[in-house]
Amino acid sequence: MHKLYLDPFMDMCNGEILSYGIDQRPSAKNVMDALDKAIKISADCPYRRTFHSDQGWAYQMKAYSHRLKEERIF
């Protein structure tokens, strides 16, 4: 049996998956790549963007929180 790790970014308003990363092992790169895609896709949003996470290890990384601050995302 093989495992895959999925890092999705979902629009909580309509359930649409904005972006995702998938890999054979958990990695910061996978999460950051999916985050970058979600930021680009939601860039034209006229309202304040809020990204919610489960606060797992990947979402507590300084690089992750710094990227959100750069984009003024709560």
PDB file of N, CA and C in Angstrom:
ATOM      1  N   MET A   1       0.840  -1.161   0.000  1.00  0.00           N
ATOM      2  CA  MET A   1       0.000   0.000   0.000  1.00  0.00           C
ATOM      3  C   MET A   1       0.896   1.239   0.000  1.00  0.00           C
ATOM      4  N   HIS A   2       0.495   2.261  -0.740  1.00  0.00           N
ATOM      5  CA  HIS A   2       1.216   3.521  -0.808  1.00  0.00           C
ATOM      6  C   HIS A   2       0.321   4.643  -0.315  1.00  0.00           C
ATOM      7  N   LYS A   3       0.936   5.627   0.308  1.00  0.00           N
ATOM      8  CA  LYS A   3       0.199   6.795   0.783  1.00  0.00           C
ATOM      9  C   LYS A   3       0.533   7.989  -0.086  1.00  0.00           C
ATOM     10  N   LEU A   4      -0.429   8.900  -0.182  1.00  0.00           N
ATOM     11  CA  LEU A   4      -0.209  10.196  -0.800  1.00  0.00           C
ATOM     12  C   LEU A   4      -0.654  11.264   0.187  1.00  0.00           C
ATOM     13  N   TYR A   5       0.035  12.372   0.187  1.00  0.00           N
ATOM     14  CA  TYR A   5      -0.291  13.478   1.089  1.00  0.00           C
ATOM     15  C   TYR A   5      -0.867  14.615   0.267  1.00  0.00           C
ATOM     16  N   LEU A   6      -2.054  15.052   0.642  1.00  0.00           N
ATOM     17  CA  LEU A   6      -2.785  16.092  -0.067  1.00  0.00           C
ATOM     18  C   LEU A   6      -2.815  17.353   0.777  1.00  0.00           C
ATOM     19  N   ASP A   7      -2.454  18.477   0.165  1.00  0.00           N
ATOM     20  CA  ASP A   7      -2.496  19.787   0.823  1.00  0.00           C
ATOM     21  C   ASP A   7      -3.425  20.698   0.024  1.00  0.00           C
ATOM     22  N   PRO A   8      -4.745  20.636   0.304  1.00  0.00           N
ATOM     23  CA  PRO A   8      -5.706  21.440  -0.467  1.00  0.00           C
ATOM     24  C   PRO A   8      -5.959  22.816   0.146  1.00  0.00           C
ATOM     25  N   PHE A   9      -6.330  23.740  -0.711  1.00  0.00           N
ATOM     26  CA  PHE A   9      -6.826  25.051  -0.290  1.00  0.00           C
ATOM     27  C   PHE A   9      -8.232  25.166  -0.878  1.00  0.00           C
ATOM     28  N   MET A  10      -9.229  25.211   0.016  1.00  0.00           N
ATOM     29  CA  MET A  10     -10.621  25.185  -0.401  1.00  0.00           C
ATOM     30  C   MET A  10     -11.306  26.508  -0.083  1.00  0.00           C
ATOM     31  N   ASP A  11     -12.132  26.958  -1.001  1.00  0.00           N
ATOM     32  CA  ASP A  11     -12.981  28.124  -0.778  1.00  0.00           C
ATOM     33  C   ASP A  11     -14.128  27.668   0.117  1.00  0.00           C
ATOM     34  N   MET A  12     -14.179  28.184   1.336  1.00  0.00           N
ATOM     35  CA  MET A  12     -15.184  27.731   2.290  1.00  0.00           C
ATOM     36  C   MET A  12     -16.587  28.247   1.970  1.00  0.00           C
ATOM     37  N   CYS A  13     -16.689  29.173   1.041  1.00  0.00           N
ATOM     38  CA  CYS A  13     -17.998  29.686   0.655  1.00  0.00           C
ATOM     39  C   CYS A  13     -18.736  28.689  -0.242  1.00  0.00           C
ATOM     40  N   ASN A  14     -18.013  28.135  -1.225  1.00  0.00           N
ATOM     41  CA  ASN A  14     -18.689  27.254  -2.175  1.00  0.00           C
ATOM     42  C   ASN A  14     -18.087  25.850  -2.254  1.00  0.00           C
ATOM     43  N   GLY A  15     -17.044  25.573  -1.461  1.00  0.00           N
ATOM     44  CA  GLY A  15     -16.455  24.244  -1.442  1.00  0.00           C
ATOM     45  C   GLY A  15     -15.497  23.950  -2.581  1.00  0.00           C
ATOM     46  N   GLU A  16     -15.235  24.924  -3.420  1.00  0.00           N
ATOM     47  CA  GLU A  16     -14.338  24.747  -4.564  1.00  0.00           C
ATOM     48  C   GLU A  16     -12.887  24.614  -4.079  1.00  0.00           C
ATOM     49  N   ILE A  17     -12.156  23.664  -4.644  1.00  0.00           N
ATOM     50  CA  ILE A  17     -10.727  23.540  -4.363  1.00  0.00           C
ATOM     51  C   ILE A  17      -9.996  24.545  -5.242  1.00  0.00           C
ATOM     52  N   LEU A  18      -9.346  25.517  -4.600  1.00  0.00           N
ATOM     53  CA  LEU A  18      -8.621  26.559  -5.337  1.00  0.00           C
ATOM     54  C   LEU A  18      -7.282  26.049  -5.840  1.00  0.00           C
ATOM     55  N   SER A  19      -6.572  25.328  -4.988  1.00  0.00           N
ATOM     56  CA  SER A  19      -5.293  24.751  -5.366  1.00  0.00           C
ATOM     57  C   SER A  19      -4.990  23.594  -4.438  1.00  0.00           C
ATOM     58  N   TYR A  20      -4.012  22.814  -4.825  1.00  0.00           N
ATOM     59  CA  TYR A  20      -3.613  21.699  -3.974  1.00  0.00           C
ATOM     60  C   TYR A  20      -2.207  21.252  -4.341  1.00  0.00           C
ATOM     61  N   GLY A  21      -1.593  20.573  -3.405  1.00  0.00           N
ATOM     62  CA  GLY A  21      -0.326  19.900  -3.636  1.00  0.00           C
ATOM     63  C   GLY A  21      -0.515  18.447  -3.252  1.00  0.00           C
ATOM     64  N   ILE A  22       0.131  17.557  -3.968  1.00  0.00           N
ATOM     65  CA  ILE A  22       0.033  16.128  -3.665  1.00  0.00           C
ATOM     66  C   ILE A  22       1.413  15.513  -3.863  1.00  0.00           C
ATOM     67  N   ASP A  23       1.816  14.695  -2.901  1.00  0.00           N
ATOM     68  CA  ASP A  23       3.148  14.097  -2.961  1.00  0.00           C
ATOM     69  C   ASP A  23       3.169  12.810  -2.147  1.00  0.00           C
ATOM     70  N   GLN A  24       4.229  12.041  -2.311  1.00  0.00           N
ATOM     71  CA  GLN A  24       4.362  10.774  -1.596  1.00  0.00           C
ATOM     72  C   GLN A  24       4.787  10.955  -0.143  1.00  0.00           C
ATOM     73  N   ARG A  25       5.259  12.141   0.211  1.00  0.00           N
ATOM     74  CA  ARG A  25       5.640  12.421   1.601  1.00  0.00           C
ATOM     75  C   ARG A  25       5.286  13.859   1.930  1.00  0.00           C
ATOM     76  N   PRO A  26       4.999  14.138   3.193  1.00  0.00           N
ATOM     77  CA  PRO A  26       4.689  15.522   3.573  1.00  0.00           C
ATOM     78  C   PRO A  26       5.935  16.388   3.427  1.00  0.00           C
ATOM     79  N   SER A  27       5.743  17.595   2.893  1.00  0.00           N
ATOM     80  CA  SER A  27       6.892  18.487   2.735  1.00  0.00           C
ATOM     81  C   SER A  27       6.439  19.941   2.784  1.00  0.00           C
ATOM     82  N   ALA A  28       7.337  20.781   3.249  1.00  0.00           N
ATOM     83  CA  ALA A  28       7.070  22.215   3.285  1.00  0.00           C
ATOM     84  C   ALA A  28       6.923  22.754   1.872  1.00  0.00           C
ATOM     85  N   LYS A  29       7.721  22.253   0.941  1.00  0.00           N
ATOM     86  CA  LYS A  29       7.660  22.730  -0.446  1.00  0.00           C
ATOM     87  C   LYS A  29       6.274  22.493  -1.044  1.00  0.00           C
ATOM     88  N   ASN A  30       5.708  21.345  -0.788  1.00  0.00           N
ATOM     89  CA  ASN A  30       4.385  21.020  -1.312  1.00  0.00           C
ATOM     90  C   ASN A  30       3.333  22.002  -0.791  1.00  0.00           C
ATOM     91  N   VAL A  31       3.385  22.293   0.503  1.00  0.00           N
ATOM     92  CA  VAL A  31       2.441  23.230   1.114  1.00  0.00           C
ATOM     93  C   VAL A  31       2.644  24.640   0.553  1.00  0.00           C
ATOM     94  N   MET A  32       3.891  25.074   0.450  1.00  0.00           N
ATOM     95  CA  MET A  32       4.180  26.427  -0.032  1.00  0.00           C
ATOM     96  C   MET A  32       3.800  26.601  -1.497  1.00  0.00           C
ATOM     97  N   ASP A  33       4.008  25.573  -2.308  1.00  0.00           N
ATOM     98  CA  ASP A  33       3.602  25.645  -3.716  1.00  0.00           C
ATOM     99  C   ASP A  33       2.084  25.776  -3.832  1.00  0.00           C
ATOM    100  N   ALA A  34       1.356  24.991  -3.048  1.00  0.00           N
ATOM    101  CA  ALA A  34      -0.112  25.077  -3.063  1.00  0.00           C
ATOM    102  C   ALA A  34      -0.574  26.435  -2.552  1.00  0.00           C
ATOM    103  N   LEU A  35       0.098  26.959  -1.531  1.00  0.00           N
ATOM    104  CA  LEU A  35      -0.231  28.290  -1.005  1.00  0.00           C
ATOM    105  C   LEU A  35      -0.031  29.358  -2.070  1.00  0.00           C
ATOM    106  N   ASP A  36       1.091  29.311  -2.767  1.00  0.00           N
ATOM    107  CA  ASP A  36       1.356  30.294  -3.824  1.00  0.00           C
ATOM    108  C   ASP A  36       0.276  30.271  -4.902  1.00  0.00           C
ATOM    109  N   LYS A  37      -0.159  29.066  -5.284  1.00  0.00           N
ATOM    110  CA  LYS A  37      -1.231  28.948  -6.287  1.00  0.00           C
ATOM    111  C   LYS A  37      -2.533  29.554  -5.760  1.00  0.00           C
ATOM    112  N   ALA A  38      -2.865  29.272  -4.505  1.00  0.00           N
ATOM    113  CA  ALA A  38      -4.100  29.800  -3.913  1.00  0.00           C
ATOM    114  C   ALA A  38      -4.050  31.325  -3.828  1.00  0.00           C
ATOM    115  N   ILE A  39      -2.905  31.870  -3.506  1.00  0.00           N
ATOM    116  CA  ILE A  39      -2.753  33.327  -3.436  1.00  0.00           C
ATOM    117  C   ILE A  39      -2.966  33.952  -4.808  1.00  0.00           C
ATOM    118  N   LYS A  40      -2.371  33.358  -5.830  1.00  0.00           N
ATOM    119  CA  LYS A  40      -2.527  33.894  -7.194  1.00  0.00           C
ATOM    120  C   LYS A  40      -3.970  33.813  -7.666  1.00  0.00           C
ATOM    121  N   ILE A  41      -4.620  32.695  -7.400  1.00  0.00           N
ATOM    122  CA  ILE A  41      -6.004  32.493  -7.840  1.00  0.00           C
ATOM    123  C   ILE A  41      -6.954  33.466  -7.150  1.00  0.00           C
ATOM    124  N   SER A  42      -6.693  33.766  -5.884  1.00  0.00           N
ATOM    125  CA  SER A  42      -7.598  34.629  -5.124  1.00  0.00           C
ATOM    126  C   SER A  42      -7.161  36.097  -5.110  1.00  0.00           C
ATOM    127  N   ALA A  43      -6.154  36.443  -5.884  1.00  0.00           N
ATOM    128  CA  ALA A  43      -5.595  37.805  -5.866  1.00  0.00           C
ATOM    129  C   ALA A  43      -6.599  38.882  -6.260  1.00  0.00           C
ATOM    130  N   ASP A  44      -7.562  38.554  -7.094  1.00  0.00           N
ATOM    131  CA  ASP A  44      -8.523  39.567  -7.551  1.00  0.00           C
ATOM    132  C   ASP A  44      -9.715  39.713  -6.604  1.00  0.00           C
ATOM    133  N   CYS A  45      -9.666  39.064  -5.470  1.00  0.00           N
ATOM    134  CA  CYS A  45     -10.751  39.153  -4.484  1.00  0.00           C
ATOM    135  C   CYS A  45     -10.861  40.588  -3.963  1.00  0.00           C
ATOM    136  N   PRO A  46     -12.037  41.207  -4.055  1.00  0.00           N
ATOM    137  CA  PRO A  46     -12.177  42.590  -3.607  1.00  0.00           C
ATOM    138  C   PRO A  46     -12.289  42.729  -2.085  1.00  0.00           C
ATOM    139  N   TYR A  47     -12.364  41.608  -1.381  1.00  0.00           N
ATOM    140  CA  TYR A  47     -12.523  41.630   0.072  1.00  0.00           C
ATOM    141  C   TYR A  47     -11.257  41.128   0.760  1.00  0.00           C
ATOM    142  N   ARG A  48     -11.216  41.314   2.066  1.00  0.00           N
ATOM    143  CA  ARG A  48     -10.093  40.804   2.845  1.00  0.00           C
ATOM    144  C   ARG A  48     -10.079  39.281   2.758  1.00  0.00           C
ATOM    145  N   ARG A  49      -8.938  38.726   2.449  1.00  0.00           N
ATOM    146  CA  ARG A  49      -8.812  37.268   2.362  1.00  0.00           C
ATOM    147  C   ARG A  49      -8.404  36.708   3.722  1.00  0.00           C
ATOM    148  N   THR A  50      -9.009  35.595   4.077  1.00  0.00           N
ATOM    149  CA  THR A  50      -8.676  34.887   5.300  1.00  0.00           C
ATOM    150  C   THR A  50      -8.398  33.434   4.942  1.00  0.00           C
ATOM    151  N   PHE A  51      -7.227  32.959   5.287  1.00  0.00           N
ATOM    152  CA  PHE A  51      -6.875  31.559   5.062  1.00  0.00           C
ATOM    153  C   PHE A  51      -6.893  30.871   6.423  1.00  0.00           C
ATOM    154  N   HIS A  52      -7.683  29.833   6.553  1.00  0.00           N
ATOM    155  CA  HIS A  52      -7.796  29.082   7.808  1.00  0.00           C
ATOM    156  C   HIS A  52      -7.085  27.744   7.633  1.00  0.00           C
ATOM    157  N   SER A  53      -6.392  27.299   8.669  1.00  0.00           N
ATOM    158  CA  SER A  53      -5.729  26.000   8.600  1.00  0.00           C
ATOM    159  C   SER A  53      -5.970  25.226   9.892  1.00  0.00           C
ATOM    160  N   ASP A  54      -5.539  23.970   9.884  1.00  0.00           N
ATOM    161  CA  ASP A  54      -5.659  23.145  11.088  1.00  0.00           C
ATOM    162  C   ASP A  54      -4.500  23.372  12.046  1.00  0.00           C
ATOM    163  N   GLN A  55      -3.618  24.296  11.743  1.00  0.00           N
ATOM    164  CA  GLN A  55      -2.455  24.646  12.563  1.00  0.00           C
ATOM    165  C   GLN A  55      -1.486  23.484  12.731  1.00  0.00           C
ATOM    166  N   GLY A  56      -1.445  22.597  11.736  1.00  0.00           N
ATOM    167  CA  GLY A  56      -0.451  21.526  11.735  1.00  0.00           C
ATOM    168  C   GLY A  56       0.948  22.103  11.538  1.00  0.00           C
ATOM    169  N   TRP A  57       1.948  21.248  11.565  1.00  0.00           N
ATOM    170  CA  TRP A  57       3.344  21.692  11.515  1.00  0.00           C
ATOM    171  C   TRP A  57       3.629  22.586  10.304  1.00  0.00           C
ATOM    172  N   ALA A  58       3.077  22.247   9.155  1.00  0.00           N
ATOM    173  CA  ALA A  58       3.379  23.012   7.936  1.00  0.00           C
ATOM    174  C   ALA A  58       2.830  24.433   7.997  1.00  0.00           C
ATOM    175  N   TYR A  59       1.705  24.602   8.665  1.00  0.00           N
ATOM    176  CA  TYR A  59       1.053  25.905   8.722  1.00  0.00           C
ATOM    177  C   TYR A  59       1.598  26.771   9.855  1.00  0.00           C
ATOM    178  N   GLN A  60       2.492  26.216  10.649  1.00  0.00           N
ATOM    179  CA  GLN A  60       3.145  26.971  11.707  1.00  0.00           C
ATOM    180  C   GLN A  60       4.547  27.431  11.295  1.00  0.00           C
ATOM    181  N   MET A  61       4.964  27.079  10.098  1.00  0.00           N
ATOM    182  CA  MET A  61       6.292  27.478   9.619  1.00  0.00           C
ATOM    183  C   MET A  61       6.370  29.000   9.476  1.00  0.00           C
ATOM    184  N   LYS A  62       7.526  29.537   9.770  1.00  0.00           N
ATOM    185  CA  LYS A  62       7.720  30.981   9.616  1.00  0.00           C
ATOM    186  C   LYS A  62       7.536  31.408   8.175  1.00  0.00           C
ATOM    187  N   ALA A  63       7.998  30.594   7.235  1.00  0.00           N
ATOM    188  CA  ALA A  63       7.858  30.927   5.813  1.00  0.00           C
ATOM    189  C   ALA A  63       6.385  31.047   5.425  1.00  0.00           C
ATOM    190  N   TYR A  64       5.540  30.175   5.966  1.00  0.00           N
ATOM    191  CA  TYR A  64       4.102  30.191   5.673  1.00  0.00           C
ATOM    192  C   TYR A  64       3.462  31.464   6.223  1.00  0.00           C
ATOM    193  N   SER A  65       3.690  31.746   7.511  1.00  0.00           N
ATOM    194  CA  SER A  65       3.077  32.935   8.114  1.00  0.00           C
ATOM    195  C   SER A  65       3.642  34.222   7.518  1.00  0.00           C
ATOM    196  N   HIS A  66       4.915  34.219   7.158  1.00  0.00           N
ATOM    197  CA  HIS A  66       5.514  35.400   6.526  1.00  0.00           C
ATOM    198  C   HIS A  66       4.873  35.664   5.161  1.00  0.00           C
ATOM    199  N   ARG A  67       4.641  34.601   4.409  1.00  0.00           N
ATOM    200  CA  ARG A  67       4.016  34.751   3.082  1.00  0.00           C
ATOM    201  C   ARG A  67       2.611  35.330   3.210  1.00  0.00           C
ATOM    202  N   LEU A  68       1.850  34.884   4.203  1.00  0.00           N
ATOM    203  CA  LEU A  68       0.513  35.434   4.419  1.00  0.00           C
ATOM    204  C   LEU A  68       0.581  36.909   4.775  1.00  0.00           C
ATOM    205  N   LYS A  69       1.521  37.280   5.632  1.00  0.00           N
ATOM    206  CA  LYS A  69       1.677  38.688   6.022  1.00  0.00           C
ATOM    207  C   LYS A  69       2.054  39.546   4.823  1.00  0.00           C
ATOM    208  N   GLU A  70       2.939  39.040   3.960  1.00  0.00           N
ATOM    209  CA  GLU A  70       3.324  39.777   2.751  1.00  0.00           C
ATOM    210  C   GLU A  70       2.114  40.112   1.891  1.00  0.00           C
ATOM    211  N   GLU A  71       1.190  39.179   1.818  1.00  0.00           N
ATOM    212  CA  GLU A  71       0.010  39.343   0.976  1.00  0.00           C
ATOM    213  C   GLU A  71      -1.168  39.984   1.722  1.00  0.00           C
ATOM    214  N   ARG A  72      -0.950  40.333   2.982  1.00  0.00           N
ATOM    215  CA  ARG A  72      -1.990  40.922   3.823  1.00  0.00           C
ATOM    216  C   ARG A  72      -3.203  40.003   3.944  1.00  0.00           C
ATOM    217  N   ILE A  73      -2.911  38.733   4.135  1.00  0.00           N
ATOM    218  CA  ILE A  73      -3.944  37.703   4.302  1.00  0.00           C
ATOM    219  C   ILE A  73      -4.000  37.356   5.781  1.00  0.00           C
ATOM    220  N   PHE A  74      -5.197  37.320   6.331  1.00  0.00           N
ATOM    221  CA  PHE A  74      -5.395  36.969   7.740  1.00  0.00           C
ATOM    222  C   PHE A  74      -5.541  35.468   7.879  1.00  0.00           C
TER     223      PHE A  74
END
